């Protein structure tokens, strides 16, 4: 079956993978972080995808760009949370590197999408 709507977007696929990686990585965090760092990391990752989807659904390039800027902000927020989790020993260096690589990839795709929309206006 052919994918439709936002699921066709390459950035959506990578961002969705990032969310799943964040959920897996935070499963081993201390339970005391359930309403702290675990929640914040998961919310930031989900926010990236949610803003891509909502922006795409709006139907205007201007609004899509605005939602992509918000998604980018959530990526930066996630960057800090990952650094903190590494410093606290909740993430291994390998886990951090994998998350950071995927986060950077999503950031590059979001940035490219923003530039494409800007050039078409």
PDB file of N, CA and C in Angstrom:
ATOM      1  N   UNK A   1       0.837  -1.174   0.000  1.00  0.00           N
ATOM      2  CA  UNK A   1       0.000   0.000   0.000  1.00  0.00           C
ATOM      3  C   UNK A   1       0.889   1.247   0.000  1.00  0.00           C
ATOM      4  N   UNK A   2       0.578   2.197  -0.835  1.00  0.00           N
ATOM      5  CA  UNK A   2       1.366   3.423  -0.953  1.00  0.00           C
ATOM      6  C   UNK A   2       1.103   4.344   0.234  1.00  0.00           C
ATOM      7  N   UNK A   3       2.189   4.905   0.758  1.00  0.00           N
ATOM      8  CA  UNK A   3       2.051   5.845   1.869  1.00  0.00           C
ATOM      9  C   UNK A   3       1.497   7.167   1.372  1.00  0.00           C
ATOM     10  N   UNK A   4       0.711   7.804   2.214  1.00  0.00           N
ATOM     11  CA  UNK A   4       0.115   9.076   1.839  1.00  0.00           C
ATOM     12  C   UNK A   4       0.439  10.129   2.880  1.00  0.00           C
ATOM     13  N   UNK A   5       0.260  11.392   2.498  1.00  0.00           N
ATOM     14  CA  UNK A   5       0.418  12.500   3.422  1.00  0.00           C
ATOM     15  C   UNK A   5       1.815  12.607   3.996  1.00  0.00           C
ATOM     16  N   UNK A   6       1.868  12.928   5.281  1.00  0.00           N
ATOM     17  CA  UNK A   6       3.144  13.158   5.950  1.00  0.00           C
ATOM     18  C   UNK A   6       4.051  11.927   5.957  1.00  0.00           C
ATOM     19  N   UNK A   7       3.486  10.738   5.844  1.00  0.00           N
ATOM     20  CA  UNK A   7       4.297   9.518   5.877  1.00  0.00           C
ATOM     21  C   UNK A   7       5.217   9.403   4.669  1.00  0.00           C
ATOM     22  N   UNK A   8       4.943  10.189   3.637  1.00  0.00           N
ATOM     23  CA  UNK A   8       5.819  10.207   2.467  1.00  0.00           C
ATOM     24  C   UNK A   8       7.078  11.030   2.726  1.00  0.00           C
ATOM     25  N   UNK A   9       7.036  11.878   3.727  1.00  0.00           N
ATOM     26  CA  UNK A   9       8.170  12.763   4.003  1.00  0.00           C
ATOM     27  C   UNK A   9       9.335  11.986   4.604  1.00  0.00           C
ATOM     28  N   UNK A  10      10.470  12.158   4.001  1.00  0.00           N
ATOM     29  CA  UNK A  10      11.682  11.486   4.497  1.00  0.00           C
ATOM     30  C   UNK A  10      11.990  11.899   5.938  1.00  0.00           C
ATOM     31  N   UNK A  11      11.811  13.190   6.225  1.00  0.00           N
ATOM     32  CA  UNK A  11      12.092  13.703   7.564  1.00  0.00           C
ATOM     33  C   UNK A  11      11.188  13.033   8.604  1.00  0.00           C
ATOM     34  N   UNK A  12       9.960  12.729   8.238  1.00  0.00           N
ATOM     35  CA  UNK A  12       9.054  12.044   9.164  1.00  0.00           C
ATOM     36  C   UNK A  12       9.635  10.684   9.560  1.00  0.00           C
ATOM     37  N   UNK A  13      10.084   9.920   8.592  1.00  0.00           N
ATOM     38  CA  UNK A  13      10.615   8.583   8.869  1.00  0.00           C
ATOM     39  C   UNK A  13      11.797   8.609   9.828  1.00  0.00           C
ATOM     40  N   UNK A  14      12.723   9.515   9.593  1.00  0.00           N
ATOM     41  CA  UNK A  14      13.892   9.619  10.471  1.00  0.00           C
ATOM     42  C   UNK A  14      13.496  10.128  11.853  1.00  0.00           C
ATOM     43  N   UNK A  15      12.591  11.083  11.913  1.00  0.00           N
ATOM     44  CA  UNK A  15      12.155  11.623  13.203  1.00  0.00           C
ATOM     45  C   UNK A  15      11.414  10.544  14.007  1.00  0.00           C
ATOM     46  N   UNK A  16      10.620   9.738  13.323  1.00  0.00           N
ATOM     47  CA  UNK A  16       9.909   8.642  13.991  1.00  0.00           C
ATOM     48  C   UNK A  16      10.905   7.635  14.570  1.00  0.00           C
ATOM     49  N   UNK A  17      11.948   7.349  13.820  1.00  0.00           N
ATOM     50  CA  UNK A  17      13.001   6.449  14.320  1.00  0.00           C
ATOM     51  C   UNK A  17      13.672   7.037  15.557  1.00  0.00           C
ATOM     52  N   UNK A  18      13.903   8.345  15.551  1.00  0.00           N
ATOM     53  CA  UNK A  18      14.503   9.014  16.704  1.00  0.00           C
ATOM     54  C   UNK A  18      13.621   8.849  17.938  1.00  0.00           C
ATOM     55  N   UNK A  19      12.322   9.009  17.781  1.00  0.00           N
ATOM     56  CA  UNK A  19      11.401   8.840  18.911  1.00  0.00           C
ATOM     57  C   UNK A  19      11.543   7.437  19.493  1.00  0.00           C
ATOM     58  N   UNK A  20      11.538   6.442  18.632  1.00  0.00           N
ATOM     59  CA  UNK A  20      11.651   5.059  19.113  1.00  0.00           C
ATOM     60  C   UNK A  20      12.985   4.834  19.821  1.00  0.00           C
ATOM     61  N   UNK A  21      14.050   5.423  19.305  1.00  0.00           N
ATOM     62  CA  UNK A  21      15.362   5.302  19.952  1.00  0.00           C
ATOM     63  C   UNK A  21      15.359   5.937  21.336  1.00  0.00           C
ATOM     64  N   UNK A  22      14.734   7.104  21.455  1.00  0.00           N
ATOM     65  CA  UNK A  22      14.663   7.794  22.746  1.00  0.00           C
ATOM     66  C   UNK A  22      13.855   6.952  23.744  1.00  0.00           C
ATOM     67  N   UNK A  23      12.735   6.409  23.315  1.00  0.00           N
ATOM     68  CA  UNK A  23      11.930   5.577  24.207  1.00  0.00           C
ATOM     69  C   UNK A  23      12.728   4.367  24.690  1.00  0.00           C
ATOM     70  N   UNK A  24      13.439   3.706  23.776  1.00  0.00           N
ATOM     71  CA  UNK A  24      14.234   2.541  24.165  1.00  0.00           C
ATOM     72  C   UNK A  24      15.347   2.928  25.130  1.00  0.00           C
ATOM     73  N   UNK A  25      16.031   4.025  24.825  1.00  0.00           N
ATOM     74  CA  UNK A  25      17.165   4.451  25.650  1.00  0.00           C
ATOM     75  C   UNK A  25      16.728   4.840  27.061  1.00  0.00           C
ATOM     76  N   UNK A  26      15.570   5.447  27.192  1.00  0.00           N
ATOM     77  CA  UNK A  26      15.130   5.925  28.506  1.00  0.00           C
ATOM     78  C   UNK A  26      14.483   4.832  29.359  1.00  0.00           C
ATOM     79  N   UNK A  27      14.240   3.670  28.776  1.00  0.00           N
ATOM     80  CA  UNK A  27      13.657   2.565  29.551  1.00  0.00           C
ATOM     81  C   UNK A  27      14.543   2.162  30.728  1.00  0.00           C
ATOM     82  N   UNK A  28      15.852   2.328  30.582  1.00  0.00           N
ATOM     83  CA  UNK A  28      16.776   1.893  31.629  1.00  0.00           C
ATOM     84  C   UNK A  28      17.153   3.008  32.612  1.00  0.00           C
ATOM     85  N   UNK A  29      16.588   4.196  32.445  1.00  0.00           N
ATOM     86  CA  UNK A  29      16.867   5.294  33.365  1.00  0.00           C
ATOM     87  C   UNK A  29      16.278   4.957  34.740  1.00  0.00           C
ATOM     88  N   UNK A  30      16.809   5.566  35.782  1.00  0.00           N
ATOM     89  CA  UNK A  30      16.240   5.328  37.119  1.00  0.00           C
ATOM     90  C   UNK A  30      14.767   5.729  37.172  1.00  0.00           C
ATOM     91  N   UNK A  31      13.984   4.975  37.908  1.00  0.00           N
ATOM     92  CA  UNK A  31      12.547   5.255  38.022  1.00  0.00           C
ATOM     93  C   UNK A  31      12.295   6.642  38.624  1.00  0.00           C
ATOM     94  N   UNK A  32      13.249   7.147  39.369  1.00  0.00           N
ATOM     95  CA  UNK A  32      13.102   8.490  39.955  1.00  0.00           C
ATOM     96  C   UNK A  32      13.058   9.572  38.878  1.00  0.00           C
ATOM     97  N   UNK A  33      13.475   9.239  37.660  1.00  0.00           N
ATOM     98  CA  UNK A  33      13.470  10.193  36.545  1.00  0.00           C
ATOM     99  C   UNK A  33      12.210  10.083  35.681  1.00  0.00           C
ATOM    100  N   UNK A  34      11.262   9.236  36.096  1.00  0.00           N
ATOM    101  CA  UNK A  34      10.066   9.020  35.280  1.00  0.00           C
ATOM    102  C   UNK A  34       9.344  10.328  34.947  1.00  0.00           C
ATOM    103  N   UNK A  35       9.214  11.215  35.924  1.00  0.00           N
ATOM    104  CA  UNK A  35       8.522  12.478  35.687  1.00  0.00           C
ATOM    105  C   UNK A  35       9.503  13.625  35.463  1.00  0.00           C
ATOM    106  N   UNK A  36      10.770  13.282  35.347  1.00  0.00           N
ATOM    107  CA  UNK A  36      11.809  14.275  35.091  1.00  0.00           C
ATOM    108  C   UNK A  36      12.396  14.084  33.705  1.00  0.00           C
ATOM    109  N   UNK A  37      13.615  13.607  33.667  1.00  0.00           N
ATOM    110  CA  UNK A  37      14.353  13.512  32.414  1.00  0.00           C
ATOM    111  C   UNK A  37      13.717  12.556  31.403  1.00  0.00           C
ATOM    112  N   UNK A  38      13.188  11.455  31.862  1.00  0.00           N
ATOM    113  CA  UNK A  38      12.538  10.510  30.938  1.00  0.00           C
ATOM    114  C   UNK A  38      11.391  11.214  30.210  1.00  0.00           C
ATOM    115  N   UNK A  39      10.535  11.846  30.977  1.00  0.00           N
ATOM    116  CA  UNK A  39       9.382  12.537  30.407  1.00  0.00           C
ATOM    117  C   UNK A  39       9.817  13.658  29.469  1.00  0.00           C
ATOM    118  N   UNK A  40      10.801  14.442  29.879  1.00  0.00           N
ATOM    119  CA  UNK A  40      11.257  15.567  29.066  1.00  0.00           C
ATOM    120  C   UNK A  40      11.863  15.103  27.737  1.00  0.00           C
ATOM    121  N   UNK A  41      12.684  14.065  27.786  1.00  0.00           N
ATOM    122  CA  UNK A  41      13.308  13.551  26.563  1.00  0.00           C
ATOM    123  C   UNK A  41      12.260  12.998  25.602  1.00  0.00           C
ATOM    124  N   UNK A  42      11.337  12.239  26.142  1.00  0.00           N
ATOM    125  CA  UNK A  42      10.303  11.655  25.294  1.00  0.00           C
ATOM    126  C   UNK A  42       9.407  12.726  24.695  1.00  0.00           C
ATOM    127  N   UNK A  43       9.024  13.708  25.495  1.00  0.00           N
ATOM    128  CA  UNK A  43       8.167  14.786  25.001  1.00  0.00           C
ATOM    129  C   UNK A  43       8.866  15.590  23.901  1.00  0.00           C
ATOM    130  N   UNK A  44      10.147  15.873  24.099  1.00  0.00           N
ATOM    131  CA  UNK A  44      10.887  16.641  23.091  1.00  0.00           C
ATOM    132  C   UNK A  44      10.964  15.864  21.778  1.00  0.00           C
ATOM    133  N   UNK A  45      11.257  14.561  21.865  1.00  0.00           N
ATOM    134  CA  UNK A  45      11.366  13.735  20.653  1.00  0.00           C
ATOM    135  C   UNK A  45      10.012  13.645  19.942  1.00  0.00           C
ATOM    136  N   UNK A  46       8.952  13.411  20.700  1.00  0.00           N
ATOM    137  CA  UNK A  46       7.620  13.315  20.109  1.00  0.00           C
ATOM    138  C   UNK A  46       7.209  14.656  19.513  1.00  0.00           C
ATOM    139  N   UNK A  47       7.607  15.742  20.148  1.00  0.00           N
ATOM    140  CA  UNK A  47       7.279  17.080  19.660  1.00  0.00           C
ATOM    141  C   UNK A  47       7.844  17.323  18.267  1.00  0.00           C
ATOM    142  N   UNK A  48       9.014  16.777  17.994  1.00  0.00           N
ATOM    143  CA  UNK A  48       9.614  16.931  16.664  1.00  0.00           C
ATOM    144  C   UNK A  48       8.669  16.361  15.615  1.00  0.00           C
ATOM    145  N   UNK A  49       8.266  15.113  15.812  1.00  0.00           N
ATOM    146  CA  UNK A  49       7.382  14.442  14.854  1.00  0.00           C
ATOM    147  C   UNK A  49       6.015  15.121  14.802  1.00  0.00           C
ATOM    148  N   UNK A  50       5.476  15.450  15.959  1.00  0.00           N
ATOM    149  CA  UNK A  50       4.145  16.060  16.007  1.00  0.00           C
ATOM    150  C   UNK A  50       4.119  17.384  15.255  1.00  0.00           C
ATOM    151  N   UNK A  51       5.171  18.166  15.366  1.00  0.00           N
ATOM    152  CA  UNK A  51       5.198  19.453  14.670  1.00  0.00           C
ATOM    153  C   UNK A  51       5.379  19.282  13.168  1.00  0.00           C
ATOM    154  N   UNK A  52       6.122  18.292  12.760  1.00  0.00           N
ATOM    155  CA  UNK A  52       6.252  17.990  11.326  1.00  0.00           C
ATOM    156  C   UNK A  52       4.877  17.620  10.761  1.00  0.00           C
ATOM    157  N   UNK A  53       4.177  16.743  11.475  1.00  0.00           N
ATOM    158  CA  UNK A  53       2.864  16.279  11.031  1.00  0.00           C
ATOM    159  C   UNK A  53       1.853  17.426  11.024  1.00  0.00           C
ATOM    160  N   UNK A  54       1.805  18.184  12.115  1.00  0.00           N
ATOM    161  CA  UNK A  54       0.828  19.271  12.184  1.00  0.00           C
ATOM    162  C   UNK A  54       1.105  20.336  11.132  1.00  0.00           C
ATOM    163  N   UNK A  55       2.360  20.679  10.957  1.00  0.00           N
ATOM    164  CA  UNK A  55       2.712  21.663   9.938  1.00  0.00           C
ATOM    165  C   UNK A  55       2.320  21.207   8.553  1.00  0.00           C
ATOM    166  N   UNK A  56       2.555  19.936   8.273  1.00  0.00           N
ATOM    167  CA  UNK A  56       2.203  19.376   6.971  1.00  0.00           C
ATOM    168  C   UNK A  56       0.694  19.420   6.753  1.00  0.00           C
ATOM    169  N   UNK A  57      -0.060  19.199   7.821  1.00  0.00           N
ATOM    170  CA  UNK A  57      -1.522  19.171   7.715  1.00  0.00           C
ATOM    171  C   UNK A  57      -2.128  20.556   7.536  1.00  0.00           C
ATOM    172  N   UNK A  58      -1.396  21.593   7.866  1.00  0.00           N
ATOM    173  CA  UNK A  58      -1.928  22.951   7.799  1.00  0.00           C
ATOM    174  C   UNK A  58      -2.211  23.403   6.364  1.00  0.00           C
ATOM    175  N   UNK A  59      -1.459  22.885   5.426  1.00  0.00           N
ATOM    176  CA  UNK A  59      -1.741  23.189   4.027  1.00  0.00           C
ATOM    177  C   UNK A  59      -1.130  24.469   3.492  1.00  0.00           C
ATOM    178  N   UNK A  60      -0.365  25.178   4.308  1.00  0.00           N
ATOM    179  CA  UNK A  60       0.305  26.368   3.779  1.00  0.00           C
ATOM    180  C   UNK A  60       1.801  26.268   4.050  1.00  0.00           C
ATOM    181  N   UNK A  61       2.574  26.724   3.092  1.00  0.00           N
ATOM    182  CA  UNK A  61       4.037  26.680   3.240  1.00  0.00           C
ATOM    183  C   UNK A  61       4.501  27.493   4.436  1.00  0.00           C
ATOM    184  N   UNK A  62       3.872  28.648   4.624  1.00  0.00           N
ATOM    185  CA  UNK A  62       4.267  29.537   5.722  1.00  0.00           C
ATOM    186  C   UNK A  62       4.064  28.847   7.075  1.00  0.00           C
ATOM    187  N   UNK A  63       2.902  28.236   7.252  1.00  0.00           N
ATOM    188  CA  UNK A  63       2.633  27.546   8.514  1.00  0.00           C
ATOM    189  C   UNK A  63       3.523  26.313   8.674  1.00  0.00           C
ATOM    190  N   UNK A  64       3.739  25.575   7.610  1.00  0.00           N
ATOM    191  CA  UNK A  64       4.629  24.423   7.675  1.00  0.00           C
ATOM    192  C   UNK A  64       6.016  24.853   8.125  1.00  0.00           C
ATOM    193  N   UNK A  65       6.526  25.937   7.540  1.00  0.00           N
ATOM    194  CA  UNK A  65       7.841  26.446   7.951  1.00  0.00           C
ATOM    195  C   UNK A  65       7.869  26.768   9.441  1.00  0.00           C
ATOM    196  N   UNK A  66       6.814  27.419   9.927  1.00  0.00           N
ATOM    197  CA  UNK A  66       6.764  27.775  11.343  1.00  0.00           C
ATOM    198  C   UNK A  66       6.810  26.523  12.222  1.00  0.00           C
ATOM    199  N   UNK A  67       6.066  25.499  11.861  1.00  0.00           N
ATOM    200  CA  UNK A  67       6.071  24.261  12.638  1.00  0.00           C
ATOM    201  C   UNK A  67       7.411  23.543  12.540  1.00  0.00           C
ATOM    202  N   UNK A  68       8.090  23.661  11.413  1.00  0.00           N
ATOM    203  CA  UNK A  68       9.426  23.074  11.280  1.00  0.00           C
ATOM    204  C   UNK A  68      10.431  23.796  12.179  1.00  0.00           C
ATOM    205  N   UNK A  69      10.274  25.105  12.330  1.00  0.00           N
ATOM    206  CA  UNK A  69      11.134  25.843  13.261  1.00  0.00           C
ATOM    207  C   UNK A  69      10.898  25.357  14.695  1.00  0.00           C
ATOM    208  N   UNK A  70       9.662  25.090  15.031  1.00  0.00           N
ATOM    209  CA  UNK A  70       9.343  24.569  16.366  1.00  0.00           C
ATOM    210  C   UNK A  70       9.951  23.174  16.541  1.00  0.00           C
ATOM    211  N   UNK A  71       9.842  22.334  15.506  1.00  0.00           N
ATOM    212  CA  UNK A  71      10.448  20.999  15.547  1.00  0.00           C
ATOM    213  C   UNK A  71      11.951  21.110  15.773  1.00  0.00           C
ATOM    214  N   UNK A  72      12.575  22.073  15.106  1.00  0.00           N
ATOM    215  CA  UNK A  72      14.010  22.271  15.271  1.00  0.00           C
ATOM    216  C   UNK A  72      14.341  22.666  16.709  1.00  0.00           C
ATOM    217  N   UNK A  73      13.498  23.501  17.312  1.00  0.00           N
ATOM    218  CA  UNK A  73      13.701  23.871  18.705  1.00  0.00           C
ATOM    219  C   UNK A  73      13.629  22.659  19.624  1.00  0.00           C
ATOM    220  N   UNK A  74      12.716  21.756  19.338  1.00  0.00           N
ATOM    221  CA  UNK A  74      12.604  20.531  20.140  1.00  0.00           C
ATOM    222  C   UNK A  74      13.836  19.653  19.971  1.00  0.00           C
ATOM    223  N   UNK A  75      14.419  19.658  18.789  1.00  0.00           N
ATOM    224  CA  UNK A  75      15.660  18.895  18.566  1.00  0.00           C
ATOM    225  C   UNK A  75      16.800  19.447  19.411  1.00  0.00           C
ATOM    226  N   UNK A  76      16.884  20.764  19.509  1.00  0.00           N
ATOM    227  CA  UNK A  76      17.926  21.388  20.320  1.00  0.00           C
ATOM    228  C   UNK A  76      17.700  21.080  21.800  1.00  0.00           C
ATOM    229  N   UNK A  77      16.438  21.104  22.207  1.00  0.00           N
ATOM    230  CA  UNK A  77      16.086  20.743  23.577  1.00  0.00           C
ATOM    231  C   UNK A  77      16.515  19.300  23.860  1.00  0.00           C
ATOM    232  N   UNK A  78      16.220  18.404  22.939  1.00  0.00           N
ATOM    233  CA  UNK A  78      16.603  17.000  23.094  1.00  0.00           C
ATOM    234  C   UNK A  78      18.113  16.849  23.162  1.00  0.00           C
ATOM    235  N   UNK A  79      18.822  17.660  22.410  1.00  0.00           N
ATOM    236  CA  UNK A  79      20.294  17.613  22.445  1.00  0.00           C
ATOM    237  C   UNK A  79      20.794  17.825  23.877  1.00  0.00           C
ATOM    238  N   UNK A  80      20.266  18.848  24.534  1.00  0.00           N
ATOM    239  CA  UNK A  80      20.688  19.114  25.910  1.00  0.00           C
ATOM    240  C   UNK A  80      20.325  17.953  26.838  1.00  0.00           C
ATOM    241  N   UNK A  81      19.113  17.446  26.731  1.00  0.00           N
ATOM    242  CA  UNK A  81      18.696  16.349  27.604  1.00  0.00           C
ATOM    243  C   UNK A  81      19.596  15.130  27.435  1.00  0.00           C
ATOM    244  N   UNK A  82      19.993  14.852  26.203  1.00  0.00           N
ATOM    245  CA  UNK A  82      20.895  13.720  25.953  1.00  0.00           C
ATOM    246  C   UNK A  82      22.269  13.968  26.589  1.00  0.00           C
ATOM    247  N   UNK A  83      22.758  15.200  26.469  1.00  0.00           N
ATOM    248  CA  UNK A  83      24.047  15.537  27.088  1.00  0.00           C
ATOM    249  C   UNK A  83      23.973  15.381  28.606  1.00  0.00           C
ATOM    250  N   UNK A  84      22.876  15.839  29.192  1.00  0.00           N
ATOM    251  CA  UNK A  84      22.689  15.707  30.631  1.00  0.00           C
ATOM    252  C   UNK A  84      22.617  14.235  31.033  1.00  0.00           C
ATOM    253  N   UNK A  85      21.865  13.450  30.287  1.00  0.00           N
ATOM    254  CA  UNK A  85      21.742  12.016  30.586  1.00  0.00           C
ATOM    255  C   UNK A  85      23.104  11.329  30.490  1.00  0.00           C
ATOM    256  N   UNK A  86      23.918  11.724  29.546  1.00  0.00           N
ATOM    257  CA  UNK A  86      25.271  11.179  29.430  1.00  0.00           C
ATOM    258  C   UNK A  86      26.089  11.563  30.658  1.00  0.00           C
ATOM    259  N   UNK A  87      26.053  12.841  31.024  1.00  0.00           N
ATOM    260  CA  UNK A  87      26.819  13.317  32.177  1.00  0.00           C
ATOM    261  C   UNK A  87      26.393  12.644  33.480  1.00  0.00           C
ATOM    262  N   UNK A  88      25.106  12.309  33.588  1.00  0.00           N
ATOM    263  CA  UNK A  88      24.597  11.655  34.792  1.00  0.00           C
ATOM    264  C   UNK A  88      24.814  10.139  34.773  1.00  0.00           C
ATOM    265  N   UNK A  89      25.317   9.627  33.666  1.00  0.00           N
ATOM    266  CA  UNK A  89      25.581   8.196  33.555  1.00  0.00           C
ATOM    267  C   UNK A  89      24.364   7.377  33.182  1.00  0.00           C
ATOM    268  N   UNK A  90      23.304   8.032  32.737  1.00  0.00           N
ATOM    269  CA  UNK A  90      22.093   7.306  32.339  1.00  0.00           C
ATOM    270  C   UNK A  90      22.201   6.766  30.925  1.00  0.00           C
ATOM    271  N   UNK A  91      23.005   7.419  30.087  1.00  0.00           N
ATOM    272  CA  UNK A  91      23.270   6.952  28.721  1.00  0.00           C
ATOM    273  C   UNK A  91      24.736   6.567  28.625  1.00  0.00           C
ATOM    274  N   UNK A  92      25.008   5.487  27.920  1.00  0.00           N
ATOM    275  CA  UNK A  92      26.402   5.135  27.625  1.00  0.00           C
ATOM    276  C   UNK A  92      26.896   6.049  26.503  1.00  0.00           C
ATOM    277  N   UNK A  93      28.187   6.097  26.315  1.00  0.00           N
ATOM    278  CA  UNK A  93      28.732   6.903  25.223  1.00  0.00           C
ATOM    279  C   UNK A  93      28.216   6.409  23.881  1.00  0.00           C
ATOM    280  N   UNK A  94      28.058   5.103  23.753  1.00  0.00           N
ATOM    281  CA  UNK A  94      27.544   4.521  22.505  1.00  0.00           C
ATOM    282  C   UNK A  94      26.086   4.923  22.265  1.00  0.00           C
ATOM    283  N   UNK A  95      25.261   4.835  23.311  1.00  0.00           N
ATOM    284  CA  UNK A  95      23.862   5.247  23.170  1.00  0.00           C
ATOM    285  C   UNK A  95      23.778   6.724  22.797  1.00  0.00           C
ATOM    286  N   UNK A  96      24.582   7.536  23.481  1.00  0.00           N
ATOM    287  CA  UNK A  96      24.584   8.968  23.203  1.00  0.00           C
ATOM    288  C   UNK A  96      24.966   9.226  21.747  1.00  0.00           C
ATOM    289  N   UNK A  97      26.025   8.546  21.284  1.00  0.00           N
ATOM    290  CA  UNK A  97      26.495   8.751  19.909  1.00  0.00           C
ATOM    291  C   UNK A  97      25.423   8.369  18.896  1.00  0.00           C
ATOM    292  N   UNK A  98      24.716   7.270  19.149  1.00  0.00           N
ATOM    293  CA  UNK A  98      23.655   6.842  18.234  1.00  0.00           C
ATOM    294  C   UNK A  98      22.498   7.838  18.217  1.00  0.00           C
ATOM    295  N   UNK A  99      22.096   8.289  19.390  1.00  0.00           N
ATOM    296  CA  UNK A  99      21.008   9.280  19.469  1.00  0.00           C
ATOM    297  C   UNK A  99      21.434  10.588  18.818  1.00  0.00           C
ATOM    298  N   UNK A 100      22.658  11.006  19.079  1.00  0.00           N
ATOM    299  CA  UNK A 100      23.135  12.271  18.536  1.00  0.00           C
ATOM    300  C   UNK A 100      23.242  12.212  17.009  1.00  0.00           C
ATOM    301  N   UNK A 101      23.684  11.086  16.494  1.00  0.00           N
ATOM    302  CA  UNK A 101      23.769  10.929  15.031  1.00  0.00           C
ATOM    303  C   UNK A 101      22.382  11.030  14.388  1.00  0.00           C
ATOM    304  N   UNK A 102      21.414  10.349  14.980  1.00  0.00           N
ATOM    305  CA  UNK A 102      20.049  10.386  14.438  1.00  0.00           C
ATOM    306  C   UNK A 102      19.453  11.788  14.599  1.00  0.00           C
ATOM    307  N   UNK A 103      19.705  12.425  15.736  1.00  0.00           N
ATOM    308  CA  UNK A 103      19.191  13.767  15.971  1.00  0.00           C
ATOM    309  C   UNK A 103      19.776  14.749  14.961  1.00  0.00           C
ATOM    310  N   UNK A 104      21.060  14.628  14.688  1.00  0.00           N
ATOM    311  CA  UNK A 104      21.705  15.496  13.696  1.00  0.00           C
ATOM    312  C   UNK A 104      21.135  15.263  12.296  1.00  0.00           C
ATOM    313  N   UNK A 105      20.876  14.017  11.974  1.00  0.00           N
ATOM    314  CA  UNK A 105      20.295  13.681  10.676  1.00  0.00           C
ATOM    315  C   UNK A 105      18.920  14.331  10.531  1.00  0.00           C
ATOM    316  N   UNK A 106      18.102  14.196  11.572  1.00  0.00           N
ATOM    317  CA  UNK A 106      16.776  14.808  11.536  1.00  0.00           C
ATOM    318  C   UNK A 106      16.913  16.324  11.429  1.00  0.00           C
ATOM    319  N   UNK A 107      17.837  16.900  12.167  1.00  0.00           N
ATOM    320  CA  UNK A 107      18.064  18.341  12.101  1.00  0.00           C
ATOM    321  C   UNK A 107      18.467  18.803  10.720  1.00  0.00           C
ATOM    322  N   UNK A 108      19.308  18.026  10.062  1.00  0.00           N
ATOM    323  CA  UNK A 108      19.714  18.364   8.696  1.00  0.00           C
ATOM    324  C   UNK A 108      18.530  18.322   7.742  1.00  0.00           C
ATOM    325  N   UNK A 109      17.696  17.310   7.897  1.00  0.00           N
ATOM    326  CA  UNK A 109      16.519  17.188   7.043  1.00  0.00           C
ATOM    327  C   UNK A 109      15.505  18.301   7.307  1.00  0.00           C
ATOM    328  N   UNK A 110      15.312  18.647   8.569  1.00  0.00           N
ATOM    329  CA  UNK A 110      14.408  19.749   8.904  1.00  0.00           C
ATOM    330  C   UNK A 110      14.936  21.045   8.304  1.00  0.00           C
ATOM    331  N   UNK A 111      16.238  21.287   8.463  1.00  0.00           N
ATOM    332  CA  UNK A 111      16.847  22.494   7.908  1.00  0.00           C
ATOM    333  C   UNK A 111      16.726  22.563   6.397  1.00  0.00           C
ATOM    334  N   UNK A 112      16.954  21.437   5.735  1.00  0.00           N
ATOM    335  CA  UNK A 112      16.832  21.392   4.276  1.00  0.00           C
ATOM    336  C   UNK A 112      15.389  21.649   3.842  1.00  0.00           C
ATOM    337  N   UNK A 113      14.442  21.105   4.596  1.00  0.00           N
ATOM    338  CA  UNK A 113      13.027  21.299   4.292  1.00  0.00           C
ATOM    339  C   UNK A 113      12.666  22.783   4.429  1.00  0.00           C
ATOM    340  N   UNK A 114      13.145  23.419   5.499  1.00  0.00           N
ATOM    341  CA  UNK A 114      12.895  24.850   5.709  1.00  0.00           C
ATOM    342  C   UNK A 114      13.464  25.663   4.550  1.00  0.00           C
ATOM    343  N   UNK A 115      14.701  25.361   4.150  1.00  0.00           N
ATOM    344  CA  UNK A 115      15.330  26.102   3.042  1.00  0.00           C
ATOM    345  C   UNK A 115      14.562  25.900   1.737  1.00  0.00           C
ATOM    346  N   UNK A 116      14.082  24.686   1.504  1.00  0.00           N
ATOM    347  CA  UNK A 116      13.309  24.412   0.293  1.00  0.00           C
ATOM    348  C   UNK A 116      12.026  25.224   0.277  1.00  0.00           C
ATOM    349  N   UNK A 117      11.348  25.271   1.414  1.00  0.00           N
ATOM    350  CA  UNK A 117      10.105  26.047   1.492  1.00  0.00           C
ATOM    351  C   UNK A 117      10.371  27.533   1.343  1.00  0.00           C
ATOM    352  N   UNK A 118      11.481  27.988   1.892  1.00  0.00           N
ATOM    353  CA  UNK A 118      11.827  29.418   1.790  1.00  0.00           C
ATOM    354  C   UNK A 118      12.101  29.803   0.345  1.00  0.00           C
ATOM    355  N   UNK A 119      12.781  28.922  -0.386  1.00  0.00           N
ATOM    356  CA  UNK A 119      13.125  29.233  -1.767  1.00  0.00           C
ATOM    357  C   UNK A 119      11.912  29.202  -2.696  1.00  0.00           C
ATOM    358  N   UNK A 120      10.841  28.531  -2.283  1.00  0.00           N
ATOM    359  CA  UNK A 120       9.645  28.430  -3.127  1.00  0.00           C
ATOM    360  C   UNK A 120       8.646  29.551  -2.873  1.00  0.00           C
ATOM    361  N   UNK A 121       8.945  30.415  -1.885  1.00  0.00           N
ATOM    362  CA  UNK A 121       7.996  31.499  -1.586  1.00  0.00           C
ATOM    363  C   UNK A 121       8.364  32.769  -2.301  1.00  0.00           C
TER     364      UNK A 121
END
